[in-house]
C-alpha cells in the first residue's frame, strides 16, 4: 500500500520516512502501519491504493483489480511514477512527479479520472512539526523546513516510527486533505527556510 510513497534525507538526516511496522497481524496498529495511512503517499477516499491481497486470487484477477505495473521515468530535475491503483474508484491513473532544486523540492500530483474524490497527501517526519500561516514547519536538526500545498491547510497526526518490532519513537503525519473533482492536479512544496 506504499504506491507513490518515498523517503527523503536532507543533509544526511531523514526528513520524510517510512514508519515501518511494530507488529504483524490483522487488527489494530498492525493493520494501520501496513496501510496507505502510514506511507508518504496520496490516498483517495480514505482507501488503500490496492485492494487487499488474498492467497486465493489468481494472477488475472490481481492484474485486473490492481492495474498495470507502475511506470517509473527519469528527468533532469527528478523522477515520476505513474500507477493505475485507484481504477476501482474511477481514477484511471495517478502520476507523482518529484522535481528537485537547490532550496527544496516539489511533488506534483495528477489524478486522472472522473467523479469527486477526497484526496489526502501524507508526509511522515520524525522531527517536531507545527502549523503556521497555512503551512507545516518542521524543526529538523539540519535546519527548518516549510511544507505547503496549493492553499490547503495541513493538519497533524501523531504516529510512531518503528525502529524494530515493538520498539518505536514519535513521528508526525503532515496531512493535506480536501475534496476535488477529477481530473485533478496539485503540488506539495518543501522548502528550507
Protein backbone atom coordinates (compact mmCIF):
# COMPACT_ATOMS: atom_id res chain seq x y z
CA UNK A 1 0.00 0.00 0.00
CA UNK A 2 3.01 2.27 -0.49
CA UNK A 3 2.48 3.06 -4.20
CA UNK A 4 3.90 6.52 -4.86
CA UNK A 5 5.45 6.70 -1.39
CA UNK A 6 9.02 7.92 -0.83
CA UNK A 7 11.71 8.61 1.77
CA UNK A 8 13.83 11.76 1.67
CA UNK A 9 17.01 12.56 3.57
CA UNK A 10 18.34 16.12 3.74
CA UNK A 11 21.93 16.91 4.72
CA UNK A 12 22.32 13.34 5.95
CA UNK A 13 19.22 13.47 8.16
CA UNK A 14 15.97 11.58 7.48
CA UNK A 15 13.28 14.15 6.70
CA UNK A 16 10.34 12.05 5.39
CA UNK A 17 10.44 8.42 6.48
CA UNK A 18 8.78 5.06 6.08
CA UNK A 19 7.27 4.34 9.50
CA UNK A 20 7.83 0.59 9.36
CA UNK A 21 5.73 -1.89 11.34
CA UNK A 22 5.73 -2.63 15.06
CA UNK A 23 3.87 -5.94 14.75
CA UNK A 24 2.28 -8.37 12.33
CA UNK A 25 -1.40 -9.17 12.48
CA UNK A 26 -4.86 -8.41 11.16
CA UNK A 27 -6.08 -5.95 13.81
CA UNK A 28 -5.19 -2.61 15.39
CA UNK A 29 -1.83 -0.97 14.79
CA UNK A 30 -0.61 -3.90 12.67
CA UNK A 31 -3.25 -3.06 10.07
CA UNK A 32 -2.72 0.72 10.34
CA UNK A 33 1.04 0.55 9.73
CA UNK A 34 0.76 -1.59 6.60
CA UNK A 35 -1.95 0.72 5.15
CA UNK A 36 -1.59 3.79 2.95
CA UNK A 37 -2.17 5.94 6.05
CA UNK A 38 1.33 5.04 7.24
CA UNK A 39 3.12 5.94 4.00
CA UNK A 40 4.22 9.19 2.29
CA UNK A 41 1.66 8.90 -0.46
CA UNK A 42 -1.60 10.02 -1.99
CA UNK A 43 -4.88 8.49 -0.80
CA UNK A 44 -8.33 8.69 -2.44
CA UNK A 45 -11.48 8.47 -0.31
CA UNK A 46 -9.52 7.00 2.61
CA UNK A 47 -8.94 3.77 0.66
CA UNK A 48 -5.71 1.88 0.24
CA UNK A 49 -4.33 2.08 -3.32
CA UNK A 50 -4.76 -1.64 -3.92
CA UNK A 51 -7.49 -3.94 -2.68
CA UNK A 52 -6.38 -6.46 -0.04
CA UNK A 53 -4.34 -9.29 -1.49
CA UNK A 54 -5.58 -12.80 -0.73
CA UNK A 55 -3.68 -16.03 -1.41
CA UNK A 56 -6.58 -17.44 -3.42
CA UNK A 57 -6.64 -14.59 -6.00
CA UNK A 58 -5.26 -15.65 -9.37
CA UNK A 59 -2.82 -13.53 -11.40
CA UNK A 60 -5.55 -12.43 -13.84
CA UNK A 61 -7.69 -11.07 -11.00
CA UNK A 62 -4.71 -9.26 -9.48
CA UNK A 63 -3.86 -7.59 -12.82
CA UNK A 64 -7.49 -6.65 -13.46
CA UNK A 65 -8.02 -5.14 -9.99
CA UNK A 66 -4.53 -3.74 -9.43
CA UNK A 67 -3.88 -2.37 -12.89
CA UNK A 68 -0.67 -2.34 -14.84
CA UNK A 69 2.67 -2.35 -13.03
CA UNK A 70 3.85 1.14 -12.00
CA UNK A 71 5.91 3.09 -14.54
CA UNK A 72 8.99 5.00 -13.42
CA UNK A 73 10.57 7.72 -15.59
CA UNK A 74 13.56 9.98 -15.02
CA UNK A 75 14.00 13.65 -15.89
CA UNK A 76 16.87 16.11 -15.47
CA UNK A 77 15.36 17.55 -12.30
CA UNK A 78 13.74 14.46 -10.79
CA UNK A 79 11.65 11.37 -11.33
CA UNK A 80 8.00 10.45 -11.94
CA UNK A 81 5.92 7.39 -11.06
CA UNK A 82 2.58 6.51 -12.68
CA UNK A 83 0.23 3.79 -11.48
CA UNK A 84 -3.36 2.68 -12.01
CA UNK A 85 -4.03 1.54 -8.47
CA UNK A 86 -7.24 3.54 -7.85
CA UNK A 87 -9.07 2.43 -11.01
CA UNK A 88 -11.80 0.85 -8.87
CA UNK A 89 -12.63 4.35 -7.57
CA UNK A 90 -12.84 5.98 -11.00
CA UNK A 91 -9.25 7.26 -11.08
CA UNK A 92 -7.71 5.89 -14.27
CA UNK A 93 -4.15 6.88 -13.33
CA UNK A 94 -2.18 8.60 -10.57
CA UNK A 95 1.05 10.37 -11.52
CA UNK A 96 3.51 11.65 -8.93
CA UNK A 97 6.44 13.74 -10.16
CA UNK A 98 9.29 14.83 -7.86
CA UNK A 99 11.21 17.93 -9.01
CA UNK A 100 14.35 18.84 -7.07
CA UNK A 101 16.00 22.27 -6.78
CA UNK A 102 18.72 23.77 -4.58
CA UNK A 103 16.32 25.11 -1.95
CA UNK A 104 13.91 22.15 -1.80
CA UNK A 105 11.64 20.07 -3.97
CA UNK A 106 8.09 19.80 -5.23
CA UNK A 107 5.81 16.79 -5.55
CA UNK A 108 3.45 17.36 -8.46
CA UNK A 109 0.42 15.08 -8.29
CA UNK A 110 -2.12 14.35 -11.01
CA UNK A 111 -5.17 12.12 -10.60
CA UNK A 112 -6.83 11.28 -13.91
CA UNK A 113 -10.39 10.06 -13.96
CA UNK A 114 -13.87 11.27 -13.16
CA UNK A 115 -16.08 11.93 -10.18
CA UNK A 116 -15.49 13.83 -6.96
CA UNK A 117 -12.99 12.34 -4.51
CA UNK A 118 -11.48 13.10 -1.12
CA UNK A 119 -7.74 13.49 -1.76
CA UNK A 120 -5.21 13.21 1.06
CA UNK A 121 -1.46 13.62 0.73
CA UNK A 122 0.55 12.44 3.75
CA UNK A 123 4.16 13.04 4.77
CA UNK A 124 5.72 11.43 7.87
CA UNK A 125 8.60 13.04 9.74
CA UNK A 126 10.43 12.08 12.93
CA UNK A 127 11.01 15.76 13.82
CA UNK A 128 8.81 18.27 15.69
CA UNK A 129 6.21 19.97 13.49
CA UNK A 130 3.97 23.00 13.96
CA UNK A 131 1.36 24.71 11.80
CA UNK A 132 1.94 28.37 10.91
CA UNK A 133 0.46 30.57 8.17
CA UNK A 134 -1.20 27.67 6.33
CA UNK A 135 1.98 25.58 6.19
CA UNK A 136 3.70 22.88 8.24
CA UNK A 137 7.06 23.87 9.77
CA UNK A 138 9.45 21.01 10.50
CA UNK A 139 12.17 21.67 13.09
CA UNK A 140 14.82 19.30 11.71
CA UNK A 141 18.40 19.20 13.08
CA UNK A 142 19.78 20.20 9.66
CA UNK A 143 17.51 23.29 9.54
CA UNK A 144 13.88 24.31 9.36
CA UNK A 145 11.66 23.12 6.53
CA UNK A 146 8.33 24.56 5.32
CA UNK A 147 5.78 22.28 3.65
CA UNK A 148 2.78 23.77 1.85
CA UNK A 149 0.20 22.73 -0.71
CA UNK A 150 -1.96 24.79 -3.07
CA UNK A 151 -3.67 26.86 -0.37
CA UNK A 152 -4.78 23.73 1.52
CA UNK A 153 -4.10 23.99 5.25
CA UNK A 154 -2.33 20.98 6.74
CA UNK A 155 -3.32 19.01 9.80
CA UNK A 156 -1.06 16.94 12.04
CA UNK A 157 -1.50 13.41 13.34
CA UNK A 158 0.69 11.60 15.89
CA UNK A 159 2.24 8.39 14.60
CA UNK A 160 5.05 6.01 15.61
CA UNK A 161 8.22 5.36 13.66
CA UNK A 162 9.01 1.70 14.29
CA UNK A 163 12.73 1.01 14.68
CA UNK A 164 12.20 -2.70 15.48
CA UNK A 165 9.18 -4.88 16.21
CA UNK A 166 7.59 -3.48 19.34
CA UNK A 167 10.08 -0.58 19.56
CA UNK A 168 9.27 2.86 18.21
CA UNK A 169 9.75 6.58 18.54
CA UNK A 170 7.38 9.52 17.95
CA UNK A 171 6.66 10.70 14.42
CA UNK A 172 4.14 13.11 12.92
CA UNK A 173 1.96 12.78 9.84
CA UNK A 174 1.51 16.05 7.95
CA UNK A 175 -1.80 15.69 6.11
CA UNK A 176 -3.13 17.87 3.28
CA UNK A 177 -6.71 16.74 2.63
CA UNK A 178 -9.59 18.16 0.61
CA UNK A 179 -12.37 17.19 -1.80
CA UNK A 180 -11.90 17.78 -5.54
CA UNK A 181 -13.32 16.79 -8.91
CA UNK A 182 -11.24 14.58 -11.17
CA UNK A 183 -9.12 15.09 -13.15
CA UNK A 184 -7.13 16.96 -10.50
CA UNK A 185 -3.64 18.46 -10.23
CA UNK A 186 -1.87 19.59 -7.07
CA UNK A 187 1.62 20.48 -5.83
CA UNK A 188 3.33 19.95 -2.48
CA UNK A 189 6.25 22.32 -1.93
CA UNK A 190 9.05 21.51 0.51
CA UNK A 191 11.49 24.38 1.12
CA UNK A 192 14.31 25.12 3.52
CA UNK A 193 13.72 28.34 5.44
